[in-house]
Amino acid sequence: MKWLNCAKIKVMLVGFVAAVVLGGGSAKADFTFGEPTNLGQTTNTPSGDCIDCFSSDGLEMYLDSRRSGGYGNWDLWVARRPTTHDDWGTPENLGSTVNSSKSEVCACISGDGLELYFESYNRPGGYGTFDLWVTKRPTKDDNWGPPENLGPIVNGTSGEGGPWISSDGLELYFNSNRYGGCGSWDIWVTRRVTINDPWEQPINLGAVVNSSAEEGAPFISADGLLLFFSGGYYGPIRPGGFGNADMWLTRRASVSEPWGTPVNLGPIVNSPSLDCGPRISPDGCTLYFSSERPGGFGGVFGDIYQALIIPIVDFNDDNIVDSADICIMIDHWGQNYSLCDIGPTPLGDGIVDVQDLVVLAEHLFEDYRLIAHWNLDEEAGAIAYDSVIGNNADLYGEPIWQPIGGRIGGALDLDGIDDYISTPFIIDPSGQYLSVFVWIKGGGPGQVIISQVGDFGETWLGIDSSEGKLITRFCDFYFDPLESEAVITDGQWHHVGLVYDLNDFHRRLYVDGALVIEDTSGVAGLSSDGGLYIGASKDLEAGSFFSGLIDDVRIYNGVLKPEEIEALAQ
């Protein structure tokens, strides 16, 4: 009866939430991340660039950089944009009033936009090597005034850096190597009763948050319940990470409760390289950070990257969002329950209510592992639209839309000469579960169905060079291709797919819902940041272009079960 009641409630509530308008806020939901993307050469340079903070309206992004045009080693800069839907403009230096011949870094702007806290190295008038300073302005339209040192209570003879002011202006978090810590550099907090009172003696966050390694670059969510930080810059690296320096997160139930045990943000955003300085956009939907990972423009601390924050809406982890997940949300209605607190932003707002149901309703009956889906049902134009997160693809050559000729709705007819589809970057196959499936009709020996572009990109799905059998060259830079005995070029519709499973590092090929071959030993996926070619090899070689119909291309960052694959092939 409970299941039936939940289903009835679902019908009523989903109809209601369609009219609800989302608001602001942030708190402590469960979430994951999309693939990081580089902000590009307008923001990043070969000199090194670090994300600092955002104005509350999301129209100013402060960063520190050693790019040309500054006054010292590292300077503070600001990039602006007209609206939150526009790209960032070229960063502008804050000028000689704020920047000196020394280094100014790690800026944090107050909620009202009138105070900018930052760290400076050996700036005249300080108390130690690294000190915390603040510059002020009368209004948002005015220039920043002469910086003031925060004084000897906050700044000691050791080092203080990475300031972050709470949204109410009453807590200032920072990192320091002063006496009384747990390790190399620790996170501390100083408080004041009102914004007009002086800062009190700083307090170490303690051994639950701080370790014998280095912790720094703190960021506090607007409600004060999430603390993001970096685990290592110059000193010992916090253990349990994925690389040189990683990003971490700790939570607390309320602002009066202690911080919990930190957790690593995981391998999607943390790489074997240095990843640091986590910052959340004002709308709570994007993680920004600095990274020295390959593929950037270079420099110390690397480039600024962004990654979508994606709410986890599959509450019971059965790989589908349905009425069972609605029931779980209803069971915790009105509670501060992290698992179901997914709205109005992915960070939540501290209570399970209609805002969370709005987000859940957007994902109902959706496979949460699906990261790209081109159904190829368009009737005209040079774009194939992705129905998941907007990774729309471009058509090249002169492929012909077949609105009623597909296996599911329409399809795209490729000529085998120069027709293909080019997608943006979708997934890095190294260290990732992967499932890719597509319907095809036609094709010939040596032709490619899907490939990934790049030095280590290869043919994910293709046809052998002589007999028309399904093969994959995924991972074949160091490993042999995987060749099946299944002929797929007989002029009939076939559902073909590749699954790469990190549990045993095996590749598995499927045709029409059935497993046709898998590896007998493990193979390792190689890192690639290229997009996909649908209907051609990664080098667009003559003879590799697919001739025939392609329909319903799906990419998952997970391993589909045999029964799920069989259902897709129906």
Protein backbone atom coordinates (compact mmCIF):
# COMPACT_ATOMS: atom_id res chain seq x y z
CA MET A 1 0.00 0.00 0.00
CA LYS A 2 2.87 2.39 0.79
CA TRP A 3 4.21 1.99 -2.77
CA LEU A 4 0.79 2.70 -4.23
CA ASN A 5 0.32 5.77 -2.02
CA CYS A 6 3.73 7.10 -3.03
CA ALA A 7 2.88 6.62 -6.68
CA LYS A 8 -0.33 8.65 -6.19
CA ILE A 9 1.57 11.37 -4.37
CA LYS A 10 4.10 11.41 -7.20
CA VAL A 11 1.42 12.15 -9.77
CA MET A 12 0.04 15.04 -7.72
CA LEU A 13 3.40 16.54 -6.76
CA VAL A 14 5.06 16.29 -10.17
CA GLY A 15 2.12 18.20 -11.63
CA PHE A 16 2.52 20.83 -8.92
CA VAL A 17 6.28 21.35 -9.10
CA ALA A 18 6.14 22.26 -12.77
CA ALA A 19 4.86 25.68 -11.68
CA VAL A 20 7.41 26.26 -8.90
CA VAL A 21 10.14 28.83 -9.47
CA LEU A 22 13.62 27.94 -8.17
CA GLY A 23 15.26 30.18 -5.59
CA GLY A 24 18.75 30.62 -4.16
CA GLY A 25 20.60 28.94 -1.29
CA SER A 26 23.18 26.29 -0.57
CA ALA A 27 23.76 23.61 2.05
CA LYS A 28 24.75 19.98 2.33
CA ALA A 29 23.33 17.69 -0.35
CA ASP A 30 24.97 14.61 -1.85
CA PHE A 31 26.42 15.39 -5.26
CA THR A 32 28.99 14.43 -7.86
CA PHE A 33 30.85 16.36 -10.57
CA GLY A 34 30.87 16.62 -14.33
CA GLU A 35 34.10 16.40 -16.32
CA PRO A 36 36.31 19.48 -15.69
CA THR A 37 36.83 21.92 -18.55
CA ASN A 38 39.52 24.56 -18.96
CA LEU A 39 38.28 28.18 -18.91
CA GLY A 40 40.36 28.85 -22.00
CA GLN A 41 42.97 31.35 -23.10
CA THR A 42 40.92 34.46 -22.30
CA THR A 43 41.22 33.59 -18.60
CA ASN A 44 44.32 31.37 -18.50
CA THR A 45 47.89 32.09 -19.56
CA PRO A 46 51.20 30.18 -19.63
CA SER A 47 52.30 32.18 -16.56
CA GLY A 48 50.01 30.45 -14.06
CA ASP A 49 46.51 31.46 -12.91
CA CYS A 50 44.53 30.73 -9.73
CA ILE A 51 40.83 31.15 -9.02
CA ASP A 52 40.13 33.32 -5.95
CA CYS A 53 36.45 34.23 -5.54
CA PHE A 54 33.22 35.54 -7.09
CA SER A 55 31.03 38.53 -6.33
CA SER A 56 27.63 37.52 -4.94
CA ASP A 57 25.89 38.39 -8.23
CA GLY A 58 28.27 36.13 -10.18
CA LEU A 59 29.41 38.97 -12.47
CA GLU A 60 32.95 39.40 -11.10
CA MET A 61 35.58 36.68 -10.87
CA TYR A 62 38.74 37.52 -8.94
CA LEU A 63 41.93 35.61 -9.68
CA ASP A 64 45.65 35.89 -9.04
CA SER A 65 48.14 35.56 -11.87
CA ARG A 66 51.75 36.14 -12.85
CA ARG A 67 50.72 37.23 -16.36
CA SER A 68 52.31 40.22 -18.01
CA GLY A 69 51.00 43.68 -17.18
CA GLY A 70 51.21 43.32 -13.40
CA TYR A 71 53.16 45.09 -10.69
CA GLY A 72 54.85 42.20 -8.89
CA ASN A 73 55.39 38.46 -8.89
CA TRP A 74 51.70 37.59 -8.40
CA ASP A 75 48.93 40.21 -8.72
CA LEU A 76 45.17 40.29 -8.15
CA TRP A 77 42.99 40.57 -11.26
CA VAL A 78 39.24 40.65 -11.95
CA ALA A 79 37.28 39.31 -14.93
CA ARG A 80 33.75 40.55 -15.57
CA ARG A 81 30.74 39.53 -17.62
CA PRO A 82 27.42 41.31 -18.42
CA THR A 83 25.23 38.40 -17.26
CA THR A 84 25.79 34.96 -15.76
CA HIS A 85 24.99 33.50 -19.20
CA ASP A 86 27.90 35.33 -20.85
CA ASP A 87 31.55 34.30 -21.09
CA TRP A 88 34.14 35.93 -18.84
CA GLY A 89 35.90 38.97 -20.26
CA THR A 90 39.63 39.59 -20.29
CA PRO A 91 40.93 39.94 -16.70
CA GLU A 92 41.91 43.44 -15.56
CA ASN A 93 44.62 44.20 -12.99
CA LEU A 94 43.31 45.74 -9.73
CA GLY A 95 46.01 48.39 -10.02
CA SER A 96 48.92 49.67 -8.01
CA THR A 97 46.81 50.71 -5.03
CA VAL A 98 46.05 47.07 -4.23
CA ASN A 99 48.95 45.29 -5.93
CA SER A 100 52.55 45.93 -4.95
CA SER A 101 55.99 44.85 -6.09
CA LYS A 102 55.52 41.83 -3.80
CA SER A 103 52.89 39.08 -4.27
CA GLU A 104 49.15 39.50 -3.68
CA VAL A 105 47.04 36.32 -3.92
CA CYS A 106 44.01 34.42 -2.60
CA ALA A 107 41.43 37.22 -2.63
CA CYS A 108 38.01 36.79 -0.98
CA ILE A 109 35.22 39.33 -1.42
CA SER A 110 32.63 40.03 1.27
CA GLY A 111 28.93 39.35 0.69
CA ASP A 112 28.16 43.05 0.14
CA GLY A 113 31.07 43.37 -2.29
CA LEU A 114 32.71 46.21 -0.35
CA GLU A 115 35.64 44.37 1.27
CA LEU A 116 38.33 42.27 -0.39
CA TYR A 117 40.54 40.16 1.87
CA PHE A 118 43.80 38.78 0.48
CA GLU A 119 47.22 37.36 1.31
CA SER A 120 50.47 39.18 0.61
CA TYR A 121 54.06 38.04 0.86
CA ASN A 122 56.56 40.38 2.55
CA ARG A 123 54.44 43.46 1.82
CA PRO A 124 55.77 46.42 3.85
CA GLY A 125 53.85 46.96 7.10
CA GLY A 126 53.25 43.29 7.86
CA TYR A 127 54.09 41.09 10.85
CA GLY A 128 55.47 37.98 9.17
CA THR A 129 56.36 36.55 5.80
CA PHE A 130 52.73 36.03 4.77
CA ASP A 131 50.06 38.39 6.16
CA LEU A 132 46.33 38.94 5.66
CA TRP A 133 45.14 42.31 4.39
CA VAL A 134 41.82 43.93 3.46
CA THR A 135 40.99 46.62 0.92
CA LYS A 136 37.65 48.43 0.91
CA ARG A 137 35.52 50.49 -1.43
CA PRO A 138 32.49 52.74 -0.67
CA THR A 139 30.32 51.21 -3.41
CA LYS A 140 30.65 48.47 -6.01
CA ASP A 141 31.26 51.13 -8.66
CA ASP A 142 34.25 52.62 -6.82
CA ASN A 143 37.89 51.56 -6.99
CA TRP A 144 39.47 49.58 -4.18
CA GLY A 145 41.21 51.67 -1.54
CA PRO A 146 44.63 51.30 0.14
CA PRO A 147 44.91 47.87 1.84
CA GLU A 148 44.97 47.60 5.65
CA ASN A 149 46.81 44.89 7.55
CA LEU A 150 44.49 42.83 9.79
CA GLY A 151 46.83 43.35 12.71
CA PRO A 152 48.89 41.27 15.14
CA ILE A 153 46.01 39.24 16.60
CA VAL A 154 45.29 37.66 13.22
CA ASN A 155 48.77 37.95 11.71
CA GLY A 156 51.69 36.44 13.59
CA THR A 157 55.40 36.20 12.99
CA SER A 158 54.83 32.96 11.07
CA GLY A 159 52.64 32.89 7.97
CA GLU A 160 48.94 33.49 7.33
CA GLY A 161 47.26 33.04 3.95
CA GLY A 162 44.21 31.93 1.98
CA PRO A 163 41.55 34.05 3.76
CA TRP A 164 37.85 33.30 3.38
CA ILE A 165 35.19 35.51 4.97
CA SER A 166 31.83 33.96 5.93
CA SER A 167 28.68 35.31 4.27
CA ASP A 168 27.67 37.14 7.48
CA GLY A 169 31.15 38.62 7.85
CA LEU A 170 31.63 37.23 11.36
CA GLU A 171 34.06 34.37 10.65
CA LEU A 172 37.37 34.55 8.81
CA TYR A 173 38.98 31.23 7.87
CA PHE A 174 42.61 31.07 6.79
CA ASN A 175 45.65 28.79 6.72
CA SER A 176 48.70 29.29 8.90
CA ASN A 177 51.85 27.54 10.03
CA ARG A 178 51.77 29.28 13.42
CA TYR A 179 52.55 27.50 16.67
CA GLY A 180 49.81 25.25 18.07
CA GLY A 181 48.78 23.55 14.84
CA CYS A 182 48.59 19.91 13.86
CA GLY A 183 51.01 19.93 10.96
CA SER A 184 52.78 21.98 8.34
CA TRP A 185 49.98 24.46 7.53
CA ASP A 186 46.56 24.19 9.20
CA ILE A 187 43.18 25.85 8.78
CA TRP A 188 42.28 28.36 11.54
CA VAL A 189 39.28 30.61 12.16
CA THR A 190 38.97 34.00 13.84
CA ARG A 191 35.59 35.44 14.84
CA ARG A 192 34.06 38.76 15.80
CA VAL A 193 30.76 39.61 17.49
CA THR A 194 29.69 42.17 14.88
CA ILE A 195 31.27 43.48 11.70
CA ASN A 196 32.31 46.57 13.65
CA ASP A 197 34.15 44.60 16.35
CA PRO A 198 37.81 43.51 16.18
CA TRP A 199 38.83 40.00 15.24
CA GLU A 200 39.34 37.61 18.15
CA GLN A 201 42.23 35.23 18.79
CA PRO A 202 42.32 32.59 15.99
CA ILE A 203 41.34 29.00 16.81
CA ASN A 204 42.71 25.90 15.12
CA LEU A 205 39.98 23.72 13.53
CA GLY A 206 41.51 20.71 15.24
CA ALA A 207 42.81 17.29 14.36
CA VAL A 208 39.57 16.10 12.73
CA VAL A 209 40.01 18.61 9.88
CA ASN A 210 43.74 19.30 10.05
CA SER A 211 46.37 16.59 9.68
CA SER A 212 50.12 16.30 10.02
CA ALA A 213 50.26 17.28 6.34
CA GLU A 214 49.23 20.62 4.85
CA GLU A 215 45.70 22.06 4.62
CA GLY A 216 44.89 25.41 3.01
CA ALA A 217 42.79 27.56 0.67
CA PRO A 218 39.54 27.18 2.67
CA PHE A 219 36.15 27.97 1.12
CA ILE A 220 32.93 28.10 3.17
CA SER A 221 29.49 27.66 1.62
CA ALA A 222 27.01 30.51 2.04
CA ASP A 223 25.16 28.75 4.89
CA GLY A 224 28.42 27.87 6.65
CA LEU A 225 27.80 24.11 6.57
CA LEU A 226 30.34 23.04 3.94
CA LEU A 227 34.08 23.65 4.10
CA PHE A 228 36.12 22.94 0.97
CA PHE A 229 39.92 23.06 1.18
CA SER A 230 43.15 21.90 -0.45
CA GLY A 231 45.37 19.16 0.93
CA GLY A 232 48.88 20.31 0.11
CA TYR A 233 50.67 23.08 -1.76
CA TYR A 234 54.30 23.33 -0.76
CA GLY A 235 54.31 21.06 2.29
CA PRO A 236 53.41 17.43 2.91
CA ILE A 237 50.47 16.16 0.87
CA ARG A 238 47.41 15.00 2.79
CA PRO A 239 47.20 11.18 2.51
CA GLY A 240 44.27 9.44 0.83
CA GLY A 241 44.23 11.56 -2.30
CA PHE A 242 44.80 10.94 -5.99
CA GLY A 243 47.82 13.09 -6.76
CA ASN A 244 50.12 15.94 -5.88
CA ALA A 245 47.55 18.03 -4.00
CA ASP A 246 43.84 17.27 -3.84
CA MET A 247 40.60 19.01 -2.91
CA TRP A 248 38.62 17.95 0.15
CA LEU A 249 35.29 18.62 1.84
CA THR A 250 34.06 18.54 5.45
CA ARG A 251 30.51 19.15 6.72
CA ARG A 252 28.81 20.23 9.93
CA ALA A 253 25.15 19.93 10.93
CA SER A 254 24.88 23.57 12.06
CA VAL A 255 27.19 26.55 12.54
CA SER A 256 27.46 25.66 16.23
CA GLU A 257 28.46 22.03 15.56
CA PRO A 258 32.03 20.77 14.99
CA TRP A 259 33.33 19.92 11.53
CA GLY A 260 33.19 16.27 10.47
CA THR A 261 35.86 14.04 8.98
CA PRO A 262 36.94 15.41 5.57
CA VAL A 263 36.31 13.41 2.41
CA ASN A 264 38.20 13.63 -0.87
CA LEU A 265 36.25 15.18 -3.75
CA GLY A 266 37.20 12.18 -5.88
CA PRO A 267 38.99 11.36 -9.13
CA ILE A 268 36.67 13.27 -11.44
CA VAL A 269 38.05 16.63 -10.26
CA ASN A 270 41.25 15.45 -8.53
CA SER A 271 43.98 14.20 -10.85
CA PRO A 272 47.54 12.86 -10.41
CA SER A 273 48.65 16.48 -10.84
CA LEU A 274 48.15 19.39 -8.45
CA ASP A 275 44.46 20.34 -7.98
CA CYS A 276 43.72 23.10 -5.49
CA GLY A 277 41.76 26.18 -4.46
CA PRO A 278 38.17 24.83 -4.70
CA ARG A 279 35.55 27.56 -5.10
CA ILE A 280 31.80 27.28 -5.70
CA SER A 281 29.94 29.64 -8.04
CA PRO A 282 27.33 31.86 -6.34
CA ASP A 283 24.47 29.84 -7.85
CA GLY A 284 25.93 26.67 -6.27
CA CYS A 285 26.05 24.80 -9.58
CA THR A 286 29.73 24.89 -10.57
CA LEU A 287 33.04 24.01 -8.92
CA TYR A 288 35.99 26.17 -9.97
CA PHE A 289 39.56 25.23 -9.13
CA SER A 290 43.18 25.53 -10.26
CA SER A 291 45.09 22.58 -11.69
CA GLU A 292 48.42 21.68 -13.25
CA ARG A 293 46.86 18.72 -15.10
CA PRO A 294 47.99 18.06 -18.68
CA GLY A 295 46.28 19.97 -21.46
CA GLY A 296 46.42 23.42 -19.89
CA PHE A 297 48.41 26.51 -20.78
CA GLY A 298 51.02 25.96 -18.06
CA GLY A 299 52.65 27.86 -15.23
CA VAL A 300 52.82 27.36 -11.46
CA PHE A 301 49.41 26.18 -10.18
CA GLY A 302 48.41 25.68 -13.82
CA ASP A 303 45.05 26.87 -15.14
CA ILE A 304 41.56 27.60 -13.87
CA TYR A 305 39.02 24.83 -14.53
CA GLN A 306 35.31 24.43 -13.94
CA ALA A 307 33.15 21.33 -13.35
CA LEU A 308 29.38 21.09 -13.02
CA ILE A 309 28.04 20.04 -9.62
CA ILE A 310 25.46 17.35 -10.29
CA PRO A 311 22.90 16.32 -7.66
CA ILE A 312 22.69 12.61 -6.88
CA VAL A 313 19.01 11.85 -7.42
CA ASP A 314 19.22 8.05 -7.62
CA PHE A 315 18.69 7.68 -3.87
CA ASN A 316 18.49 3.86 -3.76
CA ASP A 317 21.35 3.37 -6.25
CA ASP A 318 19.37 1.17 -8.64
CA ASN A 319 20.49 3.18 -11.71
CA ILE A 320 17.07 4.61 -12.48
CA VAL A 321 15.21 7.57 -11.03
CA ASP A 322 11.63 6.49 -10.40
CA SER A 323 8.80 6.30 -7.85
CA ALA A 324 11.03 4.43 -5.39
CA ASP A 325 13.23 7.52 -5.13
CA ILE A 326 10.13 9.70 -4.68
CA CYS A 327 9.09 7.48 -1.77
CA ILE A 328 12.49 7.96 -0.11
CA MET A 329 12.15 11.73 -0.45
CA ILE A 330 8.64 11.69 0.98
CA ASP A 331 9.81 9.61 3.95
CA HIS A 332 12.21 12.46 4.83
CA TRP A 333 9.95 15.38 3.93
CA GLY A 334 10.64 18.44 6.05
CA GLN A 335 13.88 17.01 7.45
CA ASN A 336 17.49 18.14 7.14
CA TYR A 337 18.39 14.92 5.32
CA SER A 338 21.49 15.18 3.13
CA LEU A 339 20.66 12.41 0.66
CA CYS A 340 17.41 14.04 -0.50
CA ASP A 341 18.44 17.67 -0.04
CA ILE A 342 19.22 18.30 -3.72
CA GLY A 343 17.59 21.66 -4.36
CA PRO A 344 17.28 24.45 -5.21
CA THR A 345 20.97 24.03 -6.12
CA PRO A 346 22.96 20.78 -6.05
CA LEU A 347 24.26 21.83 -2.61
CA GLY A 348 20.72 21.94 -1.19
CA ASP A 349 19.27 24.33 1.38
CA GLY A 350 19.13 22.28 4.59
CA ILE A 351 15.56 20.97 4.33
CA VAL A 352 13.78 18.42 2.14
CA ASP A 353 10.89 20.27 0.54
CA VAL A 354 9.29 21.17 -2.79
CA GLN A 355 12.57 22.69 -4.04
CA ASP A 356 14.11 19.22 -3.90
CA LEU A 357 11.11 17.65 -5.57
CA VAL A 358 11.51 20.09 -8.47
CA VAL A 359 15.03 18.79 -9.06
CA LEU A 360 13.95 15.16 -8.68
CA ALA A 361 11.09 15.63 -11.14
CA GLU A 362 13.58 16.83 -13.78
CA HIS A 363 15.29 13.43 -13.64
CA LEU A 364 12.32 11.08 -13.29
CA PHE A 365 12.62 7.83 -15.23
CA GLU A 366 16.09 8.79 -16.41
CA ASP A 367 19.16 6.57 -16.25
CA TYR A 368 21.50 8.59 -14.11
CA ARG A 369 24.59 7.08 -15.76
CA LEU A 370 23.63 8.47 -19.18
CA ILE A 371 26.00 11.37 -19.98
CA ALA A 372 25.26 11.87 -23.69
CA HIS A 373 22.39 10.82 -25.96
CA TRP A 374 22.03 11.84 -29.59
CA ASN A 375 18.71 10.39 -30.73
CA LEU A 376 19.33 11.71 -34.29
CA ASP A 377 15.66 12.50 -34.82
CA GLU A 378 16.22 15.96 -36.34
CA GLU A 379 14.66 16.68 -39.70
CA ALA A 380 17.12 19.31 -40.97
CA GLY A 381 20.16 21.35 -40.04
CA ALA A 382 23.82 20.74 -39.28
CA ILE A 383 23.53 20.00 -35.55
CA ALA A 384 22.74 16.73 -33.76
CA TYR A 385 21.29 17.65 -30.37
CA ASP A 386 22.29 15.92 -27.13
CA SER A 387 19.27 15.38 -24.88
CA VAL A 388 21.25 14.96 -21.63
CA ILE A 389 23.39 18.05 -20.89
CA GLY A 390 23.65 19.84 -24.21
CA ASN A 391 26.77 18.30 -25.77
CA ASN A 392 25.44 19.13 -29.20
CA ALA A 393 27.41 17.74 -32.16
CA ASP A 394 28.25 19.17 -35.57
CA LEU A 395 27.56 17.44 -38.89
CA TYR A 396 30.23 17.42 -41.62
CA GLY A 397 29.95 16.46 -45.26
CA GLU A 398 26.35 16.23 -46.38
CA PRO A 399 24.67 13.50 -44.30
CA ILE A 400 20.95 13.18 -44.91
CA TRP A 401 18.34 13.23 -42.16
CA GLN A 402 15.82 10.40 -42.38
CA PRO A 403 12.95 11.61 -40.12
CA ILE A 404 10.97 8.37 -40.41
CA GLY A 405 13.71 5.95 -41.43
CA GLY A 406 15.38 5.19 -38.14
CA ARG A 407 15.29 2.25 -35.79
CA ILE A 408 13.80 4.57 -33.14
CA GLY A 409 12.15 7.55 -34.81
CA GLY A 410 14.54 9.16 -37.29
CA ALA A 411 18.15 8.42 -38.21
CA LEU A 412 21.11 9.91 -40.06
CA ASP A 413 22.27 8.55 -43.43
CA LEU A 414 26.06 8.77 -43.98
CA ASP A 415 27.56 8.41 -47.45
CA GLY A 416 30.81 6.56 -46.60
CA ILE A 417 32.89 9.26 -48.32
CA ASP A 418 33.19 12.32 -46.07
CA ASP A 419 30.09 12.37 -43.83
CA TYR A 420 30.54 12.24 -40.07
CA ILE A 421 29.46 13.78 -36.74
CA SER A 422 31.89 15.60 -34.42
CA THR A 423 31.02 15.90 -30.73
CA PRO A 424 32.59 17.93 -27.90
CA PHE A 425 34.65 16.15 -25.23
CA ILE A 426 32.40 13.68 -23.39
CA ILE A 427 34.51 11.43 -21.18
CA ASP A 428 38.11 10.52 -20.41
CA PRO A 429 38.21 6.71 -20.66
CA SER A 430 41.15 6.33 -18.29
CA GLY A 431 39.90 5.26 -14.88
CA GLN A 432 36.26 5.49 -15.94
CA TYR A 433 33.52 2.95 -16.37
CA LEU A 434 32.14 3.24 -19.88
CA SER A 435 29.23 1.91 -21.90
CA VAL A 436 28.52 3.06 -25.46
CA PHE A 437 25.65 1.79 -27.62
CA VAL A 438 24.28 2.68 -31.05
CA TRP A 439 21.91 1.33 -33.71
CA ILE A 440 23.41 0.90 -37.21
CA LYS A 441 22.22 -0.35 -40.58
CA GLY A 442 24.75 -0.89 -43.36
CA GLY A 443 28.46 -0.26 -43.12
CA GLY A 444 31.37 -2.07 -44.72
CA PRO A 445 34.77 -3.59 -43.91
CA GLY A 446 37.25 -1.17 -42.36
CA GLN A 447 34.63 1.45 -41.53
CA VAL A 448 34.34 3.10 -38.11
CA ILE A 449 31.19 3.64 -36.10
CA ILE A 450 32.56 5.68 -33.16
CA SER A 451 36.10 6.88 -32.41
CA GLN A 452 37.70 9.27 -29.93
CA VAL A 453 39.98 12.03 -31.16
CA GLY A 454 43.44 12.63 -29.63
CA ASP A 455 46.87 11.09 -29.29
CA PHE A 456 45.55 8.15 -27.29
CA GLY A 457 42.04 8.16 -28.73
CA GLU A 458 41.06 5.11 -30.76
CA THR A 459 38.15 3.36 -32.42
CA TRP A 460 35.56 2.50 -29.78
CA LEU A 461 33.31 0.63 -32.22
CA GLY A 462 34.27 -0.39 -35.74
CA ILE A 463 34.16 -3.06 -38.42
CA ASP A 464 37.04 -5.40 -39.24
CA SER A 465 38.82 -4.88 -42.55
CA SER A 466 37.70 -8.06 -44.32
CA GLU A 467 34.53 -9.78 -43.08
CA GLY A 468 32.28 -7.08 -41.63
CA LYS A 469 32.64 -8.17 -38.00
CA LEU A 470 32.28 -5.91 -34.97
CA ILE A 471 35.61 -4.91 -33.34
CA THR A 472 36.95 -2.39 -30.88
CA ARG A 473 40.38 -0.80 -30.78
CA PHE A 474 39.68 0.82 -27.42
CA CYS A 475 42.95 0.60 -25.40
CA ASP A 476 44.86 -0.88 -28.35
CA PHE A 477 47.73 1.61 -28.07
CA TYR A 478 49.31 -1.00 -25.78
CA PHE A 479 46.81 -3.86 -26.10
CA ASP A 480 45.46 -5.87 -29.03
CA PRO A 481 42.11 -5.02 -30.65
CA LEU A 482 39.13 -7.07 -29.50
CA GLU A 483 37.53 -8.77 -32.52
CA SER A 484 34.21 -10.60 -32.46
CA GLU A 485 32.74 -13.13 -34.85
CA ALA A 486 29.50 -11.18 -35.21
CA VAL A 487 28.89 -9.85 -38.74
CA ILE A 488 27.03 -6.54 -38.64
CA THR A 489 27.18 -5.44 -42.31
CA ASP A 490 24.29 -7.54 -43.64
CA GLY A 491 21.99 -4.57 -44.32
CA GLN A 492 19.83 -5.21 -41.22
CA TRP A 493 19.46 -3.04 -38.13
CA HIS A 494 21.91 -4.05 -35.38
CA HIS A 495 22.31 -2.72 -31.88
CA VAL A 496 26.07 -2.67 -31.16
CA GLY A 497 27.94 -1.64 -28.08
CA LEU A 498 31.11 -1.59 -25.99
CA VAL A 499 31.32 -1.88 -22.19
CA TYR A 500 34.57 -1.18 -20.32
CA ASP A 501 34.40 -2.50 -16.75
CA LEU A 502 36.93 -1.30 -14.16
CA ASN A 503 36.06 -4.20 -11.86
CA ASP A 504 38.12 -6.54 -14.06
CA PHE A 505 39.43 -4.09 -16.71
CA HIS A 506 37.70 -6.11 -19.43
CA ARG A 507 36.23 -4.84 -22.70
CA ARG A 508 32.96 -6.46 -23.74
CA LEU A 509 31.29 -6.22 -27.15
CA TYR A 510 27.54 -6.66 -27.59
CA VAL A 511 25.42 -7.19 -30.69
CA ASP A 512 21.61 -7.12 -30.52
CA GLY A 513 21.64 -7.45 -26.75
CA ALA A 514 24.00 -10.43 -26.59
CA LEU A 515 27.62 -10.57 -25.44
CA VAL A 516 29.73 -11.63 -28.42
CA ILE A 517 33.27 -11.38 -26.98
CA GLU A 518 35.21 -10.11 -23.97
CA ASP A 519 38.83 -9.88 -22.86
CA THR A 520 40.41 -12.78 -21.02
CA SER A 521 42.85 -10.48 -19.20
CA GLY A 522 42.80 -6.87 -18.11
CA VAL A 523 43.53 -3.88 -20.34
CA ALA A 524 44.11 -0.29 -19.22
CA GLY A 525 42.26 2.68 -20.67
CA LEU A 526 44.46 5.59 -21.72
CA SER A 527 43.75 9.24 -20.92
CA SER A 528 42.21 11.27 -23.74
CA ASP A 529 40.54 14.69 -23.72
CA GLY A 530 39.29 14.55 -27.31
CA GLY A 531 35.75 14.59 -28.57
CA LEU A 532 34.13 11.80 -30.57
CA TYR A 533 33.73 11.18 -34.28
CA ILE A 534 30.57 9.28 -35.08
CA GLY A 535 30.94 7.63 -38.47
CA ALA A 536 34.71 8.07 -39.00
CA SER A 537 38.12 7.23 -37.56
CA LYS A 538 39.92 9.68 -35.29
CA ASP A 539 42.18 10.75 -38.18
CA LEU A 540 39.36 10.89 -40.75
CA GLU A 541 41.17 8.35 -42.88
CA ALA A 542 39.81 7.48 -46.30
CA GLY A 543 37.93 4.19 -46.11
CA SER A 544 36.98 4.71 -42.47
CA PHE A 545 33.82 6.74 -43.14
CA PHE A 546 30.63 4.81 -42.34
CA SER A 547 28.15 4.16 -45.15
CA GLY A 548 24.61 3.64 -43.93
CA LEU A 549 22.19 4.64 -41.17
CA ILE A 550 23.14 5.51 -37.59
CA ASP A 551 20.59 6.03 -34.85
CA ASP A 552 20.26 6.58 -31.10
CA VAL A 553 23.85 6.98 -29.88
CA ARG A 554 24.19 6.66 -26.08
CA ILE A 555 27.23 7.15 -23.80
CA TYR A 556 27.15 6.09 -20.14
CA ASN A 557 29.74 6.61 -17.39
CA GLY A 558 28.80 3.27 -15.90
CA VAL A 559 28.54 -0.42 -16.68
CA LEU A 560 25.15 -1.51 -17.98
CA LYS A 561 23.90 -4.87 -16.75
CA PRO A 562 23.17 -7.63 -19.29
CA GLU A 563 19.42 -7.30 -18.77
CA GLU A 564 19.65 -3.54 -19.34
CA ILE A 565 21.58 -4.05 -22.58
CA GLU A 566 19.05 -6.62 -23.73
CA ALA A 567 16.22 -4.16 -23.04
CA LEU A 568 17.98 -1.41 -25.04
CA ALA A 569 18.23 -3.76 -28.03
CA GLN A 570 14.50 -4.46 -28.15
